[in-house]
Amino acid sequence: TGAMTGLPAPVRTSFFKALSDLLG
């Protein structure tokens, strides 16, 4: 996700949560 620093905070937070679940 390093290239996603420009995303709005709500999007970044929700997506990080989804990736954390996916990748464990």
mmCIF file of all heavy atoms, coordinates in Angstrom:
data_MODEL
# 
_entry.id   MODEL 
# 
loop_
_atom_site.group_PDB 
_atom_site.id 
_atom_site.type_symbol 
_atom_site.label_atom_id 
_atom_site.label_alt_id 
_atom_site.label_comp_id 
_atom_site.label_asym_id 
_atom_site.label_entity_id 
_atom_site.label_seq_id 
_atom_site.pdbx_PDB_ins_code 
_atom_site.Cartn_x 
_atom_site.Cartn_y 
_atom_site.Cartn_z 
_atom_site.occupancy 
_atom_site.B_iso_or_equiv 
_atom_site.pdbx_formal_charge 
_atom_site.auth_seq_id 
_atom_site.auth_comp_id 
_atom_site.auth_asym_id 
_atom_site.auth_atom_id 
_atom_site.pdbx_PDB_model_num 
ATOM 1   N N   . THR A 1 1  ? 0.806   -1.221  0.000  1.00 0.00 ? 1  THR A N   1 
ATOM 2   C CA  . THR A 1 1  ? 0.000   0.000   0.000  1.00 0.00 ? 1  THR A CA  1 
ATOM 3   C C   . THR A 1 1  ? 0.838   1.270   0.000  1.00 0.00 ? 1  THR A C   1 
ATOM 4   O O   . THR A 1 1  ? 0.297   2.358   0.151  1.00 0.00 ? 1  THR A O   1 
ATOM 5   C CB  . THR A 1 1  ? -0.921  0.018   1.234  1.00 0.00 ? 1  THR A CB  1 
ATOM 6   O OG1 . THR A 1 1  ? -0.102  -0.035  2.420  1.00 0.00 ? 1  THR A OG1 1 
ATOM 7   C CG2 . THR A 1 1  ? -1.854  -1.179  1.223  1.00 0.00 ? 1  THR A CG2 1 
ATOM 8   N N   . GLY A 1 2  ? 2.140   1.163   -0.181 1.00 0.00 ? 2  GLY A N   1 
ATOM 9   C CA  . GLY A 1 2  ? 3.008   2.331   -0.095 1.00 0.00 ? 2  GLY A CA  1 
ATOM 10  C C   . GLY A 1 2  ? 2.676   3.423   -1.085 1.00 0.00 ? 2  GLY A C   1 
ATOM 11  O O   . GLY A 1 2  ? 2.907   4.597   -0.819 1.00 0.00 ? 2  GLY A O   1 
ATOM 12  N N   . ALA A 1 3  ? 2.122   3.042   -2.248 1.00 0.00 ? 3  ALA A N   1 
ATOM 13  C CA  . ALA A 1 3  ? 1.821   4.038   -3.272 1.00 0.00 ? 3  ALA A CA  1 
ATOM 14  C C   . ALA A 1 3  ? 0.467   4.707   -3.051 1.00 0.00 ? 3  ALA A C   1 
ATOM 15  O O   . ALA A 1 3  ? 0.024   5.492   -3.881 1.00 0.00 ? 3  ALA A O   1 
ATOM 16  C CB  . ALA A 1 3  ? 1.842   3.387   -4.651 1.00 0.00 ? 3  ALA A CB  1 
ATOM 17  N N   . MET A 1 4  ? -0.189  4.411   -1.915 1.00 0.00 ? 4  MET A N   1 
ATOM 18  C CA  . MET A 1 4  ? -1.543  4.897   -1.697 1.00 0.00 ? 4  MET A CA  1 
ATOM 19  C C   . MET A 1 4  ? -1.590  6.034   -0.686 1.00 0.00 ? 4  MET A C   1 
ATOM 20  O O   . MET A 1 4  ? -2.648  6.333   -0.134 1.00 0.00 ? 4  MET A O   1 
ATOM 21  C CB  . MET A 1 4  ? -2.433  3.748   -1.201 1.00 0.00 ? 4  MET A CB  1 
ATOM 22  C CG  . MET A 1 4  ? -2.546  2.602   -2.172 1.00 0.00 ? 4  MET A CG  1 
ATOM 23  S SD  . MET A 1 4  ? -3.272  1.166   -1.372 1.00 0.00 ? 4  MET A SD  1 
ATOM 24  C CE  . MET A 1 4  ? -4.719  1.903   -0.617 1.00 0.00 ? 4  MET A CE  1 
ATOM 25  N N   . THR A 1 5  ? -0.496  6.691   -0.443 1.00 0.00 ? 5  THR A N   1 
ATOM 26  C CA  . THR A 1 5  ? -0.457  7.729   0.585  1.00 0.00 ? 5  THR A CA  1 
ATOM 27  C C   . THR A 1 5  ? -1.344  8.913   0.238  1.00 0.00 ? 5  THR A C   1 
ATOM 28  O O   . THR A 1 5  ? -1.728  9.678   1.118  1.00 0.00 ? 5  THR A O   1 
ATOM 29  C CB  . THR A 1 5  ? 0.981   8.219   0.795  1.00 0.00 ? 5  THR A CB  1 
ATOM 30  O OG1 . THR A 1 5  ? 1.524   8.633   -0.470 1.00 0.00 ? 5  THR A OG1 1 
ATOM 31  C CG2 . THR A 1 5  ? 1.850   7.106   1.377  1.00 0.00 ? 5  THR A CG2 1 
ATOM 32  N N   . GLY A 1 6  ? -1.687  9.077   -1.026 1.00 0.00 ? 6  GLY A N   1 
ATOM 33  C CA  . GLY A 1 6  ? -2.525  10.206  -1.417 1.00 0.00 ? 6  GLY A CA  1 
ATOM 34  C C   . GLY A 1 6  ? -4.006  9.964   -1.237 1.00 0.00 ? 6  GLY A C   1 
ATOM 35  O O   . GLY A 1 6  ? -4.810  10.862  -1.487 1.00 0.00 ? 6  GLY A O   1 
ATOM 36  N N   . LEU A 1 7  ? -4.403  8.775   -0.806 1.00 0.00 ? 7  LEU A N   1 
ATOM 37  C CA  . LEU A 1 7  ? -5.822  8.483   -0.632 1.00 0.00 ? 7  LEU A CA  1 
ATOM 38  C C   . LEU A 1 7  ? -6.387  9.242   0.563  1.00 0.00 ? 7  LEU A C   1 
ATOM 39  O O   . LEU A 1 7  ? -5.691  9.472   1.553  1.00 0.00 ? 7  LEU A O   1 
ATOM 40  C CB  . LEU A 1 7  ? -6.037  6.986   -0.401 1.00 0.00 ? 7  LEU A CB  1 
ATOM 41  C CG  . LEU A 1 7  ? -5.899  6.058   -1.612 1.00 0.00 ? 7  LEU A CG  1 
ATOM 42  C CD1 . LEU A 1 7  ? -6.092  4.617   -1.183 1.00 0.00 ? 7  LEU A CD1 1 
ATOM 43  C CD2 . LEU A 1 7  ? -6.910  6.425   -2.684 1.00 0.00 ? 7  LEU A CD2 1 
ATOM 44  N N   . PRO A 1 8  ? -7.669  9.623   0.494  1.00 0.00 ? 8  PRO A N   1 
ATOM 45  C CA  . PRO A 1 8  ? -8.309  10.248  1.663  1.00 0.00 ? 8  PRO A CA  1 
ATOM 46  C C   . PRO A 1 8  ? -8.252  9.306   2.868  1.00 0.00 ? 8  PRO A C   1 
ATOM 47  O O   . PRO A 1 8  ? -8.302  8.080   2.717  1.00 0.00 ? 8  PRO A O   1 
ATOM 48  C CB  . PRO A 1 8  ? -9.752  10.464  1.191  1.00 0.00 ? 8  PRO A CB  1 
ATOM 49  C CG  . PRO A 1 8  ? -9.664  10.490  -0.302 1.00 0.00 ? 8  PRO A CG  1 
ATOM 50  C CD  . PRO A 1 8  ? -8.558  9.538   -0.661 1.00 0.00 ? 8  PRO A CD  1 
ATOM 51  N N   . ALA A 1 9  ? -8.174  9.876   4.052  1.00 0.00 ? 9  ALA A N   1 
ATOM 52  C CA  . ALA A 1 9  ? -8.024  9.081   5.273  1.00 0.00 ? 9  ALA A CA  1 
ATOM 53  C C   . ALA A 1 9  ? -9.106  8.024   5.449  1.00 0.00 ? 9  ALA A C   1 
ATOM 54  O O   . ALA A 1 9  ? -8.805  6.878   5.818  1.00 0.00 ? 9  ALA A O   1 
ATOM 55  C CB  . ALA A 1 9  ? -7.967  10.007  6.487  1.00 0.00 ? 9  ALA A CB  1 
ATOM 56  N N   . PRO A 1 10 ? -10.400 8.325   5.203  1.00 0.00 ? 10 PRO A N   1 
ATOM 57  C CA  . PRO A 1 10 ? -11.429 7.290   5.391  1.00 0.00 ? 10 PRO A CA  1 
ATOM 58  C C   . PRO A 1 10 ? -11.223 6.079   4.490  1.00 0.00 ? 10 PRO A C   1 
ATOM 59  O O   . PRO A 1 10 ? -11.418 4.943   4.899  1.00 0.00 ? 10 PRO A O   1 
ATOM 60  C CB  . PRO A 1 10 ? -12.731 8.022   5.051  1.00 0.00 ? 10 PRO A CB  1 
ATOM 61  C CG  . PRO A 1 10 ? -12.422 9.458   5.249  1.00 0.00 ? 10 PRO A CG  1 
ATOM 62  C CD  . PRO A 1 10 ? -10.990 9.618   4.843  1.00 0.00 ? 10 PRO A CD  1 
ATOM 63  N N   . VAL A 1 11 ? -10.806 6.344   3.243  1.00 0.00 ? 11 VAL A N   1 
ATOM 64  C CA  . VAL A 1 11 ? -10.570 5.249   2.300  1.00 0.00 ? 11 VAL A CA  1 
ATOM 65  C C   . VAL A 1 11 ? -9.369  4.421   2.752  1.00 0.00 ? 11 VAL A C   1 
ATOM 66  O O   . VAL A 1 11 ? -9.410  3.188   2.772  1.00 0.00 ? 11 VAL A O   1 
ATOM 67  C CB  . VAL A 1 11 ? -10.334 5.791   0.877  1.00 0.00 ? 11 VAL A CB  1 
ATOM 68  C CG1 . VAL A 1 11 ? -10.031 4.650   -0.088 1.00 0.00 ? 11 VAL A CG1 1 
ATOM 69  C CG2 . VAL A 1 11 ? -11.537 6.596   0.415  1.00 0.00 ? 11 VAL A CG2 1 
ATOM 70  N N   . ARG A 1 12 ? -8.296  5.119   3.116  1.00 0.00 ? 12 ARG A N   1 
ATOM 71  C CA  . ARG A 1 12 ? -7.079  4.431   3.517  1.00 0.00 ? 12 ARG A CA  1 
ATOM 72  C C   . ARG A 1 12 ? -7.316  3.566   4.756  1.00 0.00 ? 12 ARG A C   1 
ATOM 73  O O   . ARG A 1 12 ? -6.901  2.403   4.813  1.00 0.00 ? 12 ARG A O   1 
ATOM 74  C CB  . ARG A 1 12 ? -5.980  5.467   3.800  1.00 0.00 ? 12 ARG A CB  1 
ATOM 75  C CG  . ARG A 1 12 ? -4.583  4.858   3.941  1.00 0.00 ? 12 ARG A CG  1 
ATOM 76  C CD  . ARG A 1 12 ? -3.511  5.924   3.865  1.00 0.00 ? 12 ARG A CD  1 
ATOM 77  N NE  . ARG A 1 12 ? -3.657  6.928   4.888  1.00 0.00 ? 12 ARG A NE  1 
ATOM 78  C CZ  . ARG A 1 12 ? -4.000  8.195   4.663  1.00 0.00 ? 12 ARG A CZ  1 
ATOM 79  N NH1 . ARG A 1 12 ? -4.243  8.607   3.433  1.00 0.00 ? 12 ARG A NH1 1 
ATOM 80  N NH2 . ARG A 1 12 ? -4.096  9.064   5.659  1.00 0.00 ? 12 ARG A NH2 1 
ATOM 81  N N   . THR A 1 13 ? -8.043  4.067   5.727  1.00 0.00 ? 13 THR A N   1 
ATOM 82  C CA  . THR A 1 13 ? -8.309  3.319   6.955  1.00 0.00 ? 13 THR A CA  1 
ATOM 83  C C   . THR A 1 13 ? -9.142  2.065   6.675  1.00 0.00 ? 13 THR A C   1 
ATOM 84  O O   . THR A 1 13 ? -8.828  0.967   7.150  1.00 0.00 ? 13 THR A O   1 
ATOM 85  C CB  . THR A 1 13 ? -9.039  4.204   7.974  1.00 0.00 ? 13 THR A CB  1 
ATOM 86  O OG1 . THR A 1 13 ? -8.224  5.336   8.288  1.00 0.00 ? 13 THR A OG1 1 
ATOM 87  C CG2 . THR A 1 13 ? -9.330  3.434   9.251  1.00 0.00 ? 13 THR A CG2 1 
ATOM 88  N N   . SER A 1 14 ? -10.202 2.226   5.885  1.00 0.00 ? 14 SER A N   1 
ATOM 89  C CA  . SER A 1 14 ? -11.078 1.088   5.575  1.00 0.00 ? 14 SER A CA  1 
ATOM 90  C C   . SER A 1 14 ? -10.350 0.042   4.749  1.00 0.00 ? 14 SER A C   1 
ATOM 91  O O   . SER A 1 14 ? -10.494 -1.169  4.973  1.00 0.00 ? 14 SER A O   1 
ATOM 92  C CB  . SER A 1 14 ? -12.326 1.578   4.820  1.00 0.00 ? 14 SER A CB  1 
ATOM 93  O OG  . SER A 1 14 ? -13.074 2.464   5.613  1.00 0.00 ? 14 SER A OG  1 
ATOM 94  N N   . PHE A 1 15 ? -9.546  0.502   3.794  1.00 0.00 ? 15 PHE A N   1 
ATOM 95  C CA  . PHE A 1 15 ? -8.851  -0.443  2.937  1.00 0.00 ? 15 PHE A CA  1 
ATOM 96  C C   . PHE A 1 15 ? -7.762  -1.187  3.700  1.00 0.00 ? 15 PHE A C   1 
ATOM 97  O O   . PHE A 1 15 ? -7.556  -2.389  3.502  1.00 0.00 ? 15 PHE A O   1 
ATOM 98  C CB  . PHE A 1 15 ? -8.262  0.281   1.734  1.00 0.00 ? 15 PHE A CB  1 
ATOM 99  C CG  . PHE A 1 15 ? -7.657  -0.642  0.717  1.00 0.00 ? 15 PHE A CG  1 
ATOM 100 C CD1 . PHE A 1 15 ? -8.435  -1.579  0.056  1.00 0.00 ? 15 PHE A CD1 1 
ATOM 101 C CD2 . PHE A 1 15 ? -6.300  -0.597  0.425  1.00 0.00 ? 15 PHE A CD2 1 
ATOM 102 C CE1 . PHE A 1 15 ? -7.890  -2.436  -0.878 1.00 0.00 ? 15 PHE A CE1 1 
ATOM 103 C CE2 . PHE A 1 15 ? -5.745  -1.461  -0.500 1.00 0.00 ? 15 PHE A CE2 1 
ATOM 104 C CZ  . PHE A 1 15 ? -6.547  -2.389  -1.156 1.00 0.00 ? 15 PHE A CZ  1 
ATOM 105 N N   . PHE A 1 16 ? -7.035  -0.508  4.569  1.00 0.00 ? 16 PHE A N   1 
ATOM 106 C CA  . PHE A 1 16 ? -6.013  -1.170  5.377  1.00 0.00 ? 16 PHE A CA  1 
ATOM 107 C C   . PHE A 1 16 ? -6.641  -2.262  6.236  1.00 0.00 ? 16 PHE A C   1 
ATOM 108 O O   . PHE A 1 16 ? -6.060  -3.325  6.421  1.00 0.00 ? 16 PHE A O   1 
ATOM 109 C CB  . PHE A 1 16 ? -5.301  -0.157  6.267  1.00 0.00 ? 16 PHE A CB  1 
ATOM 110 C CG  . PHE A 1 16 ? -4.235  0.628   5.547  1.00 0.00 ? 16 PHE A CG  1 
ATOM 111 C CD1 . PHE A 1 16 ? -4.131  0.592   4.164  1.00 0.00 ? 16 PHE A CD1 1 
ATOM 112 C CD2 . PHE A 1 16 ? -3.323  1.413   6.244  1.00 0.00 ? 16 PHE A CD2 1 
ATOM 113 C CE1 . PHE A 1 16 ? -3.154  1.314   3.497  1.00 0.00 ? 16 PHE A CE1 1 
ATOM 114 C CE2 . PHE A 1 16 ? -2.341  2.143   5.587  1.00 0.00 ? 16 PHE A CE2 1 
ATOM 115 C CZ  . PHE A 1 16 ? -2.266  2.091   4.206  1.00 0.00 ? 16 PHE A CZ  1 
ATOM 116 N N   . LYS A 1 17 ? -7.827  -1.977  6.785  1.00 0.00 ? 17 LYS A N   1 
ATOM 117 C CA  . LYS A 1 17 ? -8.515  -2.986  7.597  1.00 0.00 ? 17 LYS A CA  1 
ATOM 118 C C   . LYS A 1 17 ? -8.843  -4.217  6.747  1.00 0.00 ? 17 LYS A C   1 
ATOM 119 O O   . LYS A 1 17 ? -8.634  -5.365  7.168  1.00 0.00 ? 17 LYS A O   1 
ATOM 120 C CB  . LYS A 1 17 ? -9.797  -2.386  8.170  1.00 0.00 ? 17 LYS A CB  1 
ATOM 121 C CG  . LYS A 1 17 ? -10.741 -3.394  8.846  1.00 0.00 ? 17 LYS A CG  1 
ATOM 122 C CD  . LYS A 1 17 ? -10.121 -4.042  10.075 1.00 0.00 ? 17 LYS A CD  1 
ATOM 123 C CE  . LYS A 1 17 ? -11.157 -4.785  10.901 1.00 0.00 ? 17 LYS A CE  1 
ATOM 124 N NZ  . LYS A 1 17 ? -11.789 -5.913  10.164 1.00 0.00 ? 17 LYS A NZ  1 
ATOM 125 N N   . ALA A 1 18 ? -9.327  -3.995  5.525  1.00 0.00 ? 18 ALA A N   1 
ATOM 126 C CA  . ALA A 1 18 ? -9.662  -5.110  4.637  1.00 0.00 ? 18 ALA A CA  1 
ATOM 127 C C   . ALA A 1 18 ? -8.418  -5.917  4.274  1.00 0.00 ? 18 ALA A C   1 
ATOM 128 O O   . ALA A 1 18 ? -8.438  -7.157  4.275  1.00 0.00 ? 18 ALA A O   1 
ATOM 129 C CB  . ALA A 1 18 ? -10.344 -4.584  3.373  1.00 0.00 ? 18 ALA A CB  1 
ATOM 130 N N   . LEU A 1 19 ? -7.309  -5.237  3.971  1.00 0.00 ? 19 LEU A N   1 
ATOM 131 C CA  . LEU A 1 19 ? -6.076  -5.941  3.634  1.00 0.00 ? 19 LEU A CA  1 
ATOM 132 C C   . LEU A 1 19 ? -5.526  -6.713  4.830  1.00 0.00 ? 19 LEU A C   1 
ATOM 133 O O   . LEU A 1 19 ? -4.985  -7.814  4.674  1.00 0.00 ? 19 LEU A O   1 
ATOM 134 C CB  . LEU A 1 19 ? -5.022  -4.964  3.127  1.00 0.00 ? 19 LEU A CB  1 
ATOM 135 C CG  . LEU A 1 19 ? -5.165  -4.446  1.699  1.00 0.00 ? 19 LEU A CG  1 
ATOM 136 C CD1 . LEU A 1 19 ? -3.860  -3.794  1.255  1.00 0.00 ? 19 LEU A CD1 1 
ATOM 137 C CD2 . LEU A 1 19 ? -5.545  -5.540  0.724  1.00 0.00 ? 19 LEU A CD2 1 
ATOM 138 N N   . SER A 1 20 ? -5.648  -6.145  6.012  1.00 0.00 ? 20 SER A N   1 
ATOM 139 C CA  . SER A 1 20 ? -5.178  -6.846  7.205  1.00 0.00 ? 20 SER A CA  1 
ATOM 140 C C   . SER A 1 20 ? -5.942  -8.145  7.403  1.00 0.00 ? 20 SER A C   1 
ATOM 141 O O   . SER A 1 20 ? -5.371  -9.176  7.761  1.00 0.00 ? 20 SER A O   1 
ATOM 142 C CB  . SER A 1 20 ? -5.340  -5.949  8.438  1.00 0.00 ? 20 SER A CB  1 
ATOM 143 O OG  . SER A 1 20 ? -4.506  -4.814  8.341  1.00 0.00 ? 20 SER A OG  1 
ATOM 144 N N   . ASP A 1 21 ? -7.251  -8.109  7.152  1.00 0.00 ? 21 ASP A N   1 
ATOM 145 C CA  . ASP A 1 21 ? -8.055  -9.333  7.254  1.00 0.00 ? 21 ASP A CA  1 
ATOM 146 C C   . ASP A 1 21 ? -7.644  -10.339 6.179  1.00 0.00 ? 21 ASP A C   1 
ATOM 147 O O   . ASP A 1 21 ? -7.540  -11.543 6.435  1.00 0.00 ? 21 ASP A O   1 
ATOM 148 C CB  . ASP A 1 21 ? -9.543  -9.004  7.104  1.00 0.00 ? 21 ASP A CB  1 
ATOM 149 C CG  . ASP A 1 21 ? -10.098 -8.255  8.303  1.00 0.00 ? 21 ASP A CG  1 
ATOM 150 O OD1 . ASP A 1 21 ? -9.462  -8.306  9.371  1.00 0.00 ? 21 ASP A OD1 1 
ATOM 151 O OD2 . ASP A 1 21 ? -11.154 -7.616  8.161  1.00 0.00 ? 21 ASP A OD2 1 
ATOM 152 N N   . LEU A 1 22 ? -7.420  -9.841  4.960  1.00 0.00 ? 22 LEU A N   1 
ATOM 153 C CA  . LEU A 1 22 ? -7.086  -10.722 3.845  1.00 0.00 ? 22 LEU A CA  1 
ATOM 154 C C   . LEU A 1 22 ? -5.733  -11.391 4.030  1.00 0.00 ? 22 LEU A C   1 
ATOM 155 O O   . LEU A 1 22 ? -5.579  -12.595 3.814  1.00 0.00 ? 22 LEU A O   1 
ATOM 156 C CB  . LEU A 1 22 ? -7.089  -9.926  2.538  1.00 0.00 ? 22 LEU A CB  1 
ATOM 157 C CG  . LEU A 1 22 ? -6.633  -10.673 1.272  1.00 0.00 ? 22 LEU A CG  1 
ATOM 158 C CD1 . LEU A 1 22 ? -7.558  -11.854 0.971  1.00 0.00 ? 22 LEU A CD1 1 
ATOM 159 C CD2 . LEU A 1 22 ? -6.599  -9.717  0.077  1.00 0.00 ? 22 LEU A CD2 1 
ATOM 160 N N   . LEU A 1 23 ? -4.752  -10.633 4.464  1.00 0.00 ? 23 LEU A N   1 
ATOM 161 C CA  . LEU A 1 23 ? -3.381  -11.149 4.533  1.00 0.00 ? 23 LEU A CA  1 
ATOM 162 C C   . LEU A 1 23 ? -3.017  -11.754 5.875  1.00 0.00 ? 23 LEU A C   1 
ATOM 163 O O   . LEU A 1 23 ? -2.032  -12.488 5.977  1.00 0.00 ? 23 LEU A O   1 
ATOM 164 C CB  . LEU A 1 23 ? -2.395  -10.026 4.189  1.00 0.00 ? 23 LEU A CB  1 
ATOM 165 C CG  . LEU A 1 23 ? -2.501  -9.462  2.770  1.00 0.00 ? 23 LEU A CG  1 
ATOM 166 C CD1 . LEU A 1 23 ? -1.544  -8.308  2.592  1.00 0.00 ? 23 LEU A CD1 1 
ATOM 167 C CD2 . LEU A 1 23 ? -2.249  -10.542 1.731  1.00 0.00 ? 23 LEU A CD2 1 
ATOM 168 N N   . GLY A 1 24 ? -3.802  -11.447 6.907  1.00 0.00 ? 24 GLY A N   1 
ATOM 169 C CA  . GLY A 1 24 ? -3.521  -12.036 8.215  1.00 0.00 ? 24 GLY A CA  1 
ATOM 170 C C   . GLY A 1 24 ? -2.126  -11.700 8.691  1.00 0.00 ? 24 GLY A C   1 
ATOM 171 O O   . GLY A 1 24 ? -1.672  -10.562 8.629  1.00 0.00 ? 24 GLY A O   1 
# 
